[in-house]
Amino acid sequence: MREITITIDKEEVYEEVEQTTSYTGAKMEGGDDKTYDRIFTTEADRSQLERFWHESCVDVCEALKEFVQEEQNEKGSFTIFLGLSSAFDPALEPAMKKELFSFFVTNIVSKWYVFTNKKEAADFSASAVGMLDGVKRKAYYRRKPQRPTRQTPQPPRPPRPTQETNNE
């Protein structure tokens, strides 16, 4: 069994959520002056975002329950310990971490948009589901076994003929 640990930093997620909601609020077509203020998340919204954070942690544990050995949801981060097949390809681990981080951001934004930007909420929600499914597919992926290369012993080389010189 191969064990991997993935840690998601809550503050980094919240920063990405703020950037995403800020960008959406600023670029919203047909919006009025209050559109940006309505969509952009601020410190005052942290209690609601905290609830969405915890819901996202539960979603991750539910989706990966076959692999979860332990999870820790501390104040500043979420850490999940996964037990994967010994044939798991370790080259996929960085992609799993990035995709799980993106899931947290997108899932929290989708839940926020249910209140503030209903038009885009469904798209963000579908994207978050796809990301979590991608993490699960990577966890299931098995690297093809490789047979050890068998080296046949080389027969010893015959000695090289020596050149005899004629001194006559």
Foldseek 3Di string as FASTA:
>chain_A
DDKDKAKAFPVVLVVLLQVVQQVCQVPPPPDDPCLNVLRGDDPVCVVVLVVLLVVLLVVLCVLQVVFFPDWDDDPTIIMTMGDADPQQDPVCVVVLNVLSSLLSNLSSSLVSCVRRPVPCNVVSNVVSVVSSVVSSVSRHDGHDDDDDDDDDDDDDDDDDDDDDDDPD
